[in-house]
Amino acid sequence: MYMRSGIVMGGCYLGMAGHDVFNNKVREIVNTNEHRVVLLALDISNFKYINDFYGMDEGDKVMQDIADFYFVNEPLCLASHGIGFDQFRGAYKVDNMTNEDVVGYIARKNRIFEKELSERYPLVYQHVYVGLYFYDDSSLDVRMAVDRANLAKKSTKGRFDIPCCVYSADNCNEYLEHMDMSNEFVRACEEERIEIFLQPKISVSHNCVAGAEALVRMKTRAGELVSPARFVPVLEHTGMIGKLDDIMLDKTFAFQRQCIDKGIKPVPVSVNISRQRFTSEDLLKYMLQLQDKYQIDSSLIELEILETTFIDALDAMIDVINALRAKGFKINVDDFGSGYSSLNQIANIPADIIKFDRVFASRSLKSDKGRLVIKSLIEMLKMVEYELVFEGVETKEDLDTVVSYGCDVIQGFYFDRPLPANEFVNKYYTGSREITDGT
């Protein structure tokens, strides 16, 4: 062990026990039924940024403050210990408290502590993650009980809307399933099992393919497709979605290069980009690296951002968006109509193409009032010089209605489903590019 700013590092903070002492103390309390015990596993988000922005001495103070507030000076605390620099374990006596009382108690402590941190360190958002395990089964080994509290804590990562999580088989099984899927994604990346499928965007007036959207597909080792609905939310939750974005961008640039090398004049292909990746500082750099690597004109690659992301995180993305557009990359607002943006906001966001949300569009087309809303939106958006794409068109009736309102580019199952890249090339780049209705 060594000392730094009054804190004993290497596993202990002032007033806290080491690992073995903590486990033995908890085991003794539980075995003698001296108290009903709840185990806590705790850590804090963005701790490294406290060190980066305010210095390591301030980081040390935060860690000792956590130790003092949650454990050393907490009247309910029976035992505690620190792990490394920013993780803690503790045992509270909760003899006369219901589980709900305990959760409420922890939630209040979190609010008090997070408020103090926000006032002291306004540049860094801090959230306390707490996992709880009610140690009511004295036959369970203390190490397994601590692991359960830790699993509950891990299941809250990335969730700033909940103060703590109580261990249950369900929520921790979900966490373990997420970890399994994350590991499978990593293996799929290493084994080249991530593929792009392409869904055409059809220009009705020109009766030809005008563009495409690149959609991710992951294959198992047996060659079966895994639905994006199973793994994309997991990657968003675990913070790995940016890696998927980069893979999709690389594969889309590579696809366009392959087409050109075959003498094909490809249409623009759009790629969905997550909020996490769009707010990162190096997205433009990565795009330019890919452009240089594959020698692709920027007009052939478009980026799609969800409408809700555009509105909620525009301030964080505005510089990146403007820089990308200055380099010739078009920006699509995806799923327009799915959020709660105002027309004033939409009219002023720095984008080139608006894509109507499939669910919003299909519902609106079912009523007279809905169709009037769609018609008015198309007219207004065209007046402010957005290009438009209508997603989710599945019937001839809907196609005719949308086209009559002035939207020419259509994407949906009426024309085609997403196709493997080679099938897309064979179908839309071989011979005539003319489209047959309902192809």
Protein backbone atom coordinates (compact mmCIF):
# COMPACT_ATOMS: atom_id res chain seq x y z
CA MET A 1 0.00 0.00 0.00
CA TYR A 2 1.00 3.60 -0.40
CA MET A 3 -0.37 6.97 0.70
CA ARG A 4 -1.67 9.77 -1.50
CA SER A 5 -3.52 12.86 -0.22
CA GLY A 6 -4.53 11.18 3.00
CA ILE A 7 -6.08 8.13 1.33
CA VAL A 8 -4.69 4.64 1.78
CA MET A 9 -4.61 3.21 -1.73
CA GLY A 10 -4.38 -0.41 -2.87
CA GLY A 11 -7.82 -1.41 -1.59
CA CYS A 12 -8.50 0.68 1.53
CA TYR A 13 -9.73 4.19 2.24
CA LEU A 14 -9.50 5.83 5.65
CA GLY A 15 -11.98 4.14 7.95
CA MET A 16 -12.60 1.19 5.61
CA ALA A 17 -11.57 -2.44 5.95
CA GLY A 18 -9.64 -4.64 3.56
CA HIS A 19 -11.26 -7.36 1.45
CA ASP A 20 -10.81 -10.32 3.81
CA VAL A 21 -11.74 -8.35 6.92
CA PHE A 22 -14.90 -7.13 5.20
CA ASN A 23 -15.96 -10.62 4.10
CA ASN A 24 -15.30 -12.11 7.53
CA LYS A 25 -17.25 -9.36 9.28
CA VAL A 26 -20.27 -9.79 6.99
CA ARG A 27 -20.14 -13.58 7.36
CA GLU A 28 -20.12 -13.24 11.15
CA ILE A 29 -23.11 -10.88 11.19
CA VAL A 30 -25.19 -13.03 8.85
CA ASN A 31 -24.37 -16.32 10.56
CA THR A 32 -25.34 -15.00 14.00
CA ASN A 33 -28.54 -13.36 12.72
CA GLU A 34 -27.44 -10.26 14.58
CA HIS A 35 -28.93 -7.98 11.93
CA ARG A 36 -30.76 -8.17 8.64
CA VAL A 37 -28.17 -7.11 6.09
CA VAL A 38 -28.22 -5.52 2.65
CA LEU A 39 -25.00 -5.53 0.65
CA LEU A 40 -24.08 -2.52 -1.48
CA ALA A 41 -21.81 -2.40 -4.52
CA LEU A 42 -21.10 1.18 -5.59
CA ASP A 43 -19.11 3.14 -8.09
CA ILE A 44 -19.33 6.49 -9.85
CA SER A 45 -19.53 7.53 -13.49
CA ASN A 46 -16.96 9.69 -15.28
CA PHE A 47 -14.50 9.62 -12.39
CA LYS A 48 -11.51 9.87 -14.73
CA TYR A 49 -12.78 13.25 -15.91
CA ILE A 50 -12.57 14.62 -12.36
CA ASN A 51 -8.86 13.80 -12.47
CA ASP A 52 -8.53 15.20 -16.00
CA PHE A 53 -10.36 18.50 -15.41
CA TYR A 54 -9.74 19.20 -11.73
CA GLY A 55 -6.61 17.24 -10.85
CA MET A 56 -5.85 14.00 -9.05
CA ASP A 57 -6.00 15.59 -5.60
CA GLU A 58 -9.65 16.47 -6.24
CA GLY A 59 -10.25 12.93 -7.48
CA ASP A 60 -8.82 11.62 -4.22
CA LYS A 61 -11.17 13.88 -2.27
CA VAL A 62 -14.19 12.57 -4.17
CA MET A 63 -13.27 8.99 -3.38
CA GLN A 64 -12.75 9.72 0.31
CA ASP A 65 -16.02 11.67 0.36
CA ILE A 66 -17.83 8.63 -1.04
CA ALA A 67 -16.22 6.43 1.59
CA ASP A 68 -17.23 8.84 4.35
CA PHE A 69 -20.76 9.62 3.14
CA TYR A 70 -21.91 6.11 2.24
CA PHE A 71 -19.92 4.03 4.71
CA VAL A 72 -17.57 5.48 7.35
CA ASN A 73 -20.04 8.06 8.72
CA GLU A 74 -23.22 6.16 7.79
CA PRO A 75 -25.03 4.95 10.94
CA LEU A 76 -26.49 1.93 9.13
CA CYS A 77 -23.11 0.73 7.87
CA LEU A 78 -21.68 -2.35 9.56
CA ALA A 79 -18.66 -2.95 7.32
CA SER A 80 -17.14 -1.62 4.11
CA HIS A 81 -14.10 -1.71 1.88
CA GLY A 82 -12.78 0.00 -1.23
CA ILE A 83 -11.66 -1.73 -4.42
CA GLY A 84 -9.01 -0.01 -6.49
CA PHE A 85 -9.67 3.68 -6.99
CA ASP A 86 -13.40 4.07 -7.51
CA GLN A 87 -15.39 1.03 -6.39
CA PHE A 88 -16.81 0.23 -2.99
CA ARG A 89 -18.59 -2.55 -1.12
CA GLY A 90 -20.60 -2.15 2.05
CA ALA A 91 -23.05 -3.87 4.39
CA TYR A 92 -25.95 -1.96 5.97
CA LYS A 93 -28.13 -3.15 8.84
CA VAL A 94 -31.79 -2.82 7.79
CA ASP A 95 -33.60 -4.56 10.64
CA ASN A 96 -36.79 -2.50 10.62
CA MET A 97 -36.85 -1.47 6.97
CA THR A 98 -38.71 -2.90 4.01
CA ASN A 99 -36.89 -3.36 0.72
CA GLU A 100 -38.74 -0.31 -0.59
CA ASP A 101 -37.58 1.72 2.42
CA VAL A 102 -33.97 0.79 1.69
CA VAL A 103 -34.23 1.72 -1.99
CA GLY A 104 -35.77 5.06 -1.05
CA TYR A 105 -33.03 5.68 1.52
CA ILE A 106 -30.28 5.01 -1.03
CA ALA A 107 -32.04 7.15 -3.63
CA ARG A 108 -32.12 10.10 -1.23
CA LYS A 109 -28.44 9.68 -0.40
CA ASN A 110 -27.61 9.58 -4.11
CA ARG A 111 -29.53 12.79 -4.80
CA ILE A 112 -27.74 14.60 -1.98
CA PHE A 113 -24.30 13.40 -3.03
CA GLU A 114 -24.79 13.95 -6.77
CA LYS A 115 -26.09 17.49 -6.11
CA GLU A 116 -23.00 18.31 -4.08
CA LEU A 117 -20.73 16.93 -6.80
CA SER A 118 -22.50 18.90 -9.53
CA GLU A 119 -21.92 22.11 -7.56
CA ARG A 120 -18.26 21.33 -6.90
CA TYR A 121 -17.45 19.99 -10.38
CA PRO A 122 -19.85 21.57 -12.90
CA LEU A 123 -17.77 20.44 -15.89
CA VAL A 124 -18.29 16.74 -15.17
CA TYR A 125 -21.62 14.92 -14.88
CA GLN A 126 -21.46 12.43 -12.02
CA HIS A 127 -23.88 9.58 -11.34
CA VAL A 128 -23.61 7.09 -8.49
CA TYR A 129 -24.32 3.48 -9.48
CA VAL A 130 -25.54 1.27 -6.64
CA GLY A 131 -26.41 -2.42 -6.66
CA LEU A 132 -28.18 -4.01 -3.68
CA TYR A 133 -28.48 -7.58 -2.50
CA PHE A 134 -30.65 -8.40 0.52
CA TYR A 135 -28.61 -11.05 2.32
CA ASP A 136 -31.51 -13.09 3.74
CA ASP A 137 -30.05 -16.52 2.96
CA SER A 138 -27.29 -17.25 5.47
CA SER A 139 -26.37 -20.46 3.61
CA LEU A 140 -25.15 -18.42 0.62
CA ASP A 141 -21.40 -17.85 0.62
CA VAL A 142 -20.54 -14.21 1.29
CA ARG A 143 -18.48 -13.99 -1.90
CA MET A 144 -21.48 -15.04 -3.99
CA ALA A 145 -23.66 -12.56 -2.13
CA VAL A 146 -21.20 -9.75 -2.89
CA ASP A 147 -21.12 -10.87 -6.54
CA ARG A 148 -24.90 -10.53 -6.67
CA ALA A 149 -24.75 -6.96 -5.41
CA ASN A 150 -22.07 -6.28 -8.01
CA LEU A 151 -24.18 -7.81 -10.80
CA ALA A 152 -27.09 -5.61 -9.78
CA LYS A 153 -24.82 -2.57 -9.94
CA LYS A 154 -23.49 -3.51 -13.37
CA SER A 155 -27.03 -3.85 -14.69
CA THR A 156 -27.55 -0.12 -14.02
CA LYS A 157 -24.57 1.05 -16.09
CA GLY A 158 -25.62 3.66 -18.61
CA ARG A 159 -28.96 4.09 -16.83
CA PHE A 160 -29.03 7.55 -15.28
CA ASP A 161 -32.77 7.35 -14.61
CA ILE A 162 -32.62 4.84 -11.75
CA PRO A 163 -30.94 5.46 -8.37
CA CYS A 164 -30.05 1.83 -7.66
CA CYS A 165 -30.94 -1.73 -8.58
CA VAL A 166 -31.92 -4.62 -6.33
CA TYR A 167 -30.55 -7.99 -7.37
CA SER A 168 -33.06 -10.34 -8.94
CA ALA A 169 -32.58 -13.29 -11.23
CA ASP A 170 -34.45 -11.47 -13.99
CA ASN A 171 -32.51 -8.22 -14.12
CA CYS A 172 -29.16 -9.92 -13.66
CA ASN A 173 -29.97 -12.57 -16.24
CA GLU A 174 -30.70 -9.70 -18.62
CA TYR A 175 -27.31 -8.20 -17.79
CA LEU A 176 -25.59 -11.53 -18.40
CA GLU A 177 -27.47 -11.93 -21.69
CA HIS A 178 -26.25 -8.46 -22.68
CA MET A 179 -22.70 -9.48 -21.89
CA ASP A 180 -23.09 -12.67 -23.92
CA MET A 181 -24.42 -10.70 -26.88
CA SER A 182 -21.62 -8.13 -26.54
CA ASN A 183 -19.05 -10.92 -26.56
CA GLU A 184 -20.72 -12.52 -29.57
CA PHE A 185 -20.55 -9.16 -31.37
CA VAL A 186 -16.82 -8.91 -30.65
CA ARG A 187 -16.29 -12.43 -32.01
CA ALA A 188 -18.41 -11.62 -35.07
CA CYS A 189 -16.24 -8.57 -35.76
CA GLU A 190 -13.06 -10.62 -35.48
CA GLU A 191 -14.47 -13.35 -37.74
CA GLU A 192 -15.93 -10.99 -40.37
CA ARG A 193 -19.53 -11.99 -39.64
CA ILE A 194 -20.87 -8.41 -39.75
CA GLU A 195 -22.42 -7.68 -43.15
CA ILE A 196 -24.24 -4.85 -44.86
CA PHE A 197 -27.61 -5.33 -46.50
CA LEU A 198 -28.93 -2.66 -48.83
CA GLN A 199 -32.51 -1.46 -49.22
CA PRO A 200 -33.12 0.57 -52.37
CA LYS A 201 -34.54 4.08 -52.49
CA ILE A 202 -36.59 4.37 -55.66
CA SER A 203 -37.17 7.52 -57.71
CA VAL A 204 -40.71 7.08 -58.99
CA SER A 205 -40.49 9.84 -61.59
CA HIS A 206 -37.32 8.37 -63.11
CA ASN A 207 -38.39 4.76 -62.49
CA CYS A 208 -34.95 3.79 -61.20
CA VAL A 209 -32.93 3.26 -58.06
CA ALA A 210 -31.81 6.63 -56.68
CA GLY A 211 -30.00 5.50 -53.54
CA ALA A 212 -29.84 2.86 -50.85
CA GLU A 213 -29.63 2.51 -47.10
CA ALA A 214 -26.97 0.26 -45.57
CA LEU A 215 -28.44 -1.92 -42.82
CA VAL A 216 -26.45 -4.14 -40.47
CA ARG A 217 -26.80 -7.90 -40.29
CA MET A 218 -24.83 -10.22 -38.03
CA LYS A 219 -24.41 -13.92 -38.77
CA THR A 220 -23.86 -16.74 -36.33
CA ARG A 221 -21.04 -19.19 -36.97
CA ALA A 222 -23.69 -21.48 -38.45
CA GLY A 223 -24.59 -18.79 -40.98
CA GLU A 224 -27.93 -17.80 -39.47
CA LEU A 225 -28.87 -14.12 -39.36
CA VAL A 226 -29.25 -12.42 -35.98
CA SER A 227 -31.91 -9.70 -35.95
CA PRO A 228 -30.50 -6.19 -35.33
CA ALA A 229 -33.27 -5.80 -32.75
CA ARG A 230 -31.42 -8.35 -30.62
CA PHE A 231 -27.96 -6.82 -30.65
CA VAL A 232 -28.16 -3.11 -31.55
CA PRO A 233 -29.94 -2.09 -28.29
CA VAL A 234 -27.37 -4.13 -26.36
CA LEU A 235 -24.50 -2.31 -28.08
CA GLU A 236 -26.15 1.02 -27.30
CA HIS A 237 -26.52 0.01 -23.65
CA THR A 238 -22.95 -1.26 -23.30
CA GLY A 239 -21.35 1.64 -25.19
CA MET A 240 -20.11 -0.51 -28.08
CA ILE A 241 -22.40 1.03 -30.70
CA GLY A 242 -19.64 3.33 -31.94
CA LYS A 243 -17.59 0.30 -32.99
CA LEU A 244 -20.53 -0.94 -35.06
CA ASP A 245 -20.89 2.50 -36.66
CA ASP A 246 -17.25 2.43 -37.74
CA ILE A 247 -17.57 -1.07 -39.17
CA MET A 248 -20.66 -0.09 -41.16
CA LEU A 249 -18.96 3.01 -42.51
CA ASP A 250 -15.89 1.03 -43.57
CA LYS A 251 -17.97 -1.65 -45.26
CA THR A 252 -20.09 0.94 -47.07
CA PHE A 253 -17.05 2.79 -48.40
CA ALA A 254 -15.58 -0.56 -49.45
CA PHE A 255 -18.82 -1.54 -51.22
CA GLN A 256 -18.83 1.69 -53.23
CA ARG A 257 -15.18 1.13 -54.18
CA GLN A 258 -15.92 -2.42 -55.34
CA CYS A 259 -18.76 -1.17 -57.52
CA ILE A 260 -16.59 1.48 -59.14
CA ASP A 261 -13.82 -1.05 -59.78
CA LYS A 262 -16.37 -3.21 -61.62
CA GLY A 263 -17.28 -0.30 -63.89
CA ILE A 264 -20.55 0.40 -62.07
CA LYS A 265 -21.72 3.94 -61.38
CA PRO A 266 -23.09 3.50 -57.84
CA VAL A 267 -25.91 5.45 -56.22
CA PRO A 268 -25.42 7.21 -52.85
CA VAL A 269 -25.66 4.91 -49.82
CA SER A 270 -26.71 6.19 -46.39
CA VAL A 271 -25.42 4.80 -43.09
CA ASN A 272 -27.09 5.12 -39.68
CA ILE A 273 -24.83 6.74 -37.09
CA SER A 274 -25.49 6.63 -33.35
CA ARG A 275 -25.61 9.64 -31.06
CA GLN A 276 -22.51 8.34 -29.30
CA ARG A 277 -20.48 8.32 -32.52
CA PHE A 278 -21.87 11.57 -33.88
CA THR A 279 -20.88 13.45 -30.74
CA SER A 280 -17.34 12.06 -30.76
CA GLU A 281 -14.58 14.40 -31.84
CA ASP A 282 -12.94 12.12 -34.41
CA LEU A 283 -15.90 11.20 -36.65
CA LEU A 284 -14.86 13.67 -39.36
CA LYS A 285 -11.26 12.45 -39.17
CA TYR A 286 -12.42 8.84 -39.54
CA MET A 287 -14.64 9.70 -42.52
CA LEU A 288 -11.78 11.47 -44.27
CA GLN A 289 -9.46 8.53 -43.58
CA LEU A 290 -11.97 6.17 -45.20
CA GLN A 291 -12.42 8.54 -48.11
CA ASP A 292 -8.67 8.63 -48.66
CA LYS A 293 -8.36 4.84 -48.24
CA TYR A 294 -11.08 3.97 -50.75
CA GLN A 295 -10.95 7.07 -52.98
CA ILE A 296 -14.71 7.61 -52.86
CA ASP A 297 -16.41 10.90 -53.67
CA SER A 298 -18.25 12.27 -50.64
CA SER A 299 -21.48 12.51 -52.64
CA LEU A 300 -21.70 8.70 -52.54
CA ILE A 301 -21.86 8.45 -48.73
CA GLU A 302 -24.68 9.90 -46.61
CA LEU A 303 -25.07 9.83 -42.84
CA GLU A 304 -28.41 9.25 -41.10
CA ILE A 305 -29.24 10.57 -37.63
CA LEU A 306 -32.47 9.95 -35.76
CA GLU A 307 -34.73 12.99 -35.51
CA THR A 308 -34.82 12.73 -31.71
CA THR A 309 -31.02 12.68 -31.56
CA PHE A 310 -30.84 15.67 -33.88
CA ILE A 311 -33.09 17.73 -31.63
CA ASP A 312 -31.82 16.52 -28.25
CA ALA A 313 -28.09 16.63 -28.99
CA LEU A 314 -27.78 19.24 -31.75
CA ASP A 315 -25.53 21.53 -29.71
CA ALA A 316 -23.06 18.69 -29.19
CA MET A 317 -23.12 17.68 -32.87
CA ILE A 318 -23.40 20.99 -34.71
CA ASP A 319 -19.68 21.51 -35.35
CA VAL A 320 -19.21 17.95 -36.61
CA ILE A 321 -22.29 18.18 -38.84
CA ASN A 322 -21.20 21.48 -40.38
CA ALA A 323 -17.70 20.12 -40.99
CA LEU A 324 -19.05 16.96 -42.66
CA ARG A 325 -21.39 18.95 -44.90
CA ALA A 326 -18.54 21.28 -45.82
CA LYS A 327 -16.68 18.19 -47.08
CA GLY A 328 -19.66 17.20 -49.23
CA PHE A 329 -21.29 14.50 -47.08
CA LYS A 330 -25.07 14.77 -46.97
CA ILE A 331 -26.89 14.50 -43.64
CA ASN A 332 -30.23 12.67 -43.37
CA VAL A 333 -32.77 13.21 -40.58
CA ASP A 334 -34.08 9.68 -40.03
CA ASP A 335 -37.49 8.71 -38.63
CA PHE A 336 -38.95 12.21 -39.01
CA GLY A 337 -42.27 12.30 -37.17
CA SER A 338 -41.24 9.85 -34.46
CA GLY A 339 -40.18 12.58 -32.02
CA TYR A 340 -41.56 15.81 -30.70
CA SER A 341 -39.64 18.39 -32.67
CA SER A 342 -41.27 21.60 -33.76
CA LEU A 343 -41.37 22.68 -37.38
CA ASN A 344 -39.29 25.68 -36.38
CA GLN A 345 -36.52 23.37 -35.17
CA ILE A 346 -36.71 21.17 -38.25
CA ALA A 347 -36.54 24.18 -40.55
CA ASN A 348 -33.27 25.29 -38.98
CA ILE A 349 -31.33 22.09 -38.45
CA PRO A 350 -28.29 21.66 -40.72
CA ALA A 351 -29.42 18.67 -42.78
CA ASP A 352 -30.00 17.88 -46.44
CA ILE A 353 -32.55 15.06 -46.50
CA ILE A 354 -35.66 14.33 -44.41
CA LYS A 355 -36.82 10.71 -44.12
CA PHE A 356 -40.39 10.22 -42.95
CA ASP A 357 -40.74 7.70 -40.12
CA ARG A 358 -42.30 4.44 -41.28
CA VAL A 359 -44.72 4.07 -38.36
CA PHE A 360 -45.71 7.74 -38.32
CA ALA A 361 -46.26 7.69 -42.07
CA SER A 362 -48.27 4.47 -42.20
CA ARG A 363 -50.56 5.61 -39.39
CA SER A 364 -51.07 9.05 -40.91
CA LEU A 365 -51.99 7.65 -44.31
CA LYS A 366 -54.94 5.76 -42.79
CA SER A 367 -57.10 8.84 -42.11
CA ASP A 368 -58.16 11.96 -43.98
CA LYS A 369 -56.66 14.24 -41.35
CA GLY A 370 -53.45 12.24 -41.30
CA ARG A 371 -53.09 12.42 -45.07
CA LEU A 372 -53.64 16.19 -44.90
CA VAL A 373 -50.86 16.47 -42.32
CA ILE A 374 -48.49 14.44 -44.52
CA LYS A 375 -49.33 16.52 -47.58
CA SER A 376 -48.75 19.78 -45.70
CA LEU A 377 -45.45 18.57 -44.25
CA ILE A 378 -44.17 17.52 -47.66
CA GLU A 379 -45.08 20.90 -49.13
CA MET A 380 -43.46 22.85 -46.29
CA LEU A 381 -40.28 20.79 -46.21
CA LYS A 382 -39.84 21.14 -49.95
CA MET A 383 -40.31 24.91 -49.62
CA VAL A 384 -37.31 25.06 -47.28
CA GLU A 385 -35.36 22.97 -49.81
CA TYR A 386 -35.01 19.62 -48.11
CA GLU A 387 -34.79 16.49 -50.20
CA LEU A 388 -37.42 13.97 -49.07
CA VAL A 389 -37.50 10.20 -48.72
CA PHE A 390 -40.68 8.38 -47.69
CA GLU A 391 -40.01 5.17 -45.74
CA GLY A 392 -42.30 2.27 -45.08
CA VAL A 393 -44.43 2.32 -48.23
CA GLU A 394 -45.95 -1.14 -48.58
CA THR A 395 -49.04 -0.75 -50.80
CA LYS A 396 -49.83 0.70 -54.22
CA GLU A 397 -52.45 2.94 -52.64
CA ASP A 398 -49.94 4.49 -50.24
CA LEU A 399 -47.41 4.89 -53.05
CA ASP A 400 -49.88 6.74 -55.27
CA THR A 401 -50.94 8.99 -52.38
CA VAL A 402 -47.41 9.95 -51.37
CA VAL A 403 -46.31 10.57 -54.95
CA SER A 404 -49.38 12.73 -55.58
CA TYR A 405 -48.31 14.87 -52.62
CA GLY A 406 -44.95 15.53 -54.25
CA CYS A 407 -42.59 13.01 -52.62
CA ASP A 408 -40.67 11.23 -55.36
CA VAL A 409 -38.13 9.02 -53.57
CA ILE A 410 -39.64 5.96 -51.88
CA GLN A 411 -38.10 3.32 -49.61
CA GLY A 412 -40.15 0.37 -48.47
CA PHE A 413 -41.24 -3.22 -48.92
CA TYR A 414 -43.55 -2.24 -51.78
CA PHE A 415 -40.43 -2.06 -53.92
CA ASP A 416 -37.98 -4.28 -52.05
CA ARG A 417 -36.71 -5.62 -48.75
CA PRO A 418 -33.08 -5.14 -47.63
CA LEU A 419 -30.81 -7.33 -49.77
CA PRO A 420 -27.32 -8.76 -49.35
CA ALA A 421 -24.83 -6.54 -51.15
CA ASN A 422 -24.22 -8.99 -54.02
CA GLU A 423 -27.97 -9.45 -54.59
CA PHE A 424 -28.44 -5.68 -54.64
CA VAL A 425 -25.74 -5.35 -57.30
CA ASN A 426 -27.19 -8.15 -59.43
CA LYS A 427 -30.71 -6.78 -59.19
CA TYR A 428 -30.16 -3.04 -59.54
CA TYR A 429 -26.80 -2.60 -61.27
CA THR A 430 -26.96 -5.34 -63.90
CA GLY A 431 -28.66 -4.35 -67.14
CA SER A 432 -31.47 -1.81 -67.06
CA ARG A 433 -32.02 0.08 -63.81
CA GLU A 434 -35.71 0.53 -64.51
CA ILE A 435 -38.02 -0.59 -61.73
CA THR A 436 -41.16 -2.66 -61.97
CA ASP A 437 -43.95 -1.73 -59.52
CA GLY A 438 -43.90 -4.01 -56.50
CA THR A 439 -40.64 -5.59 -57.66
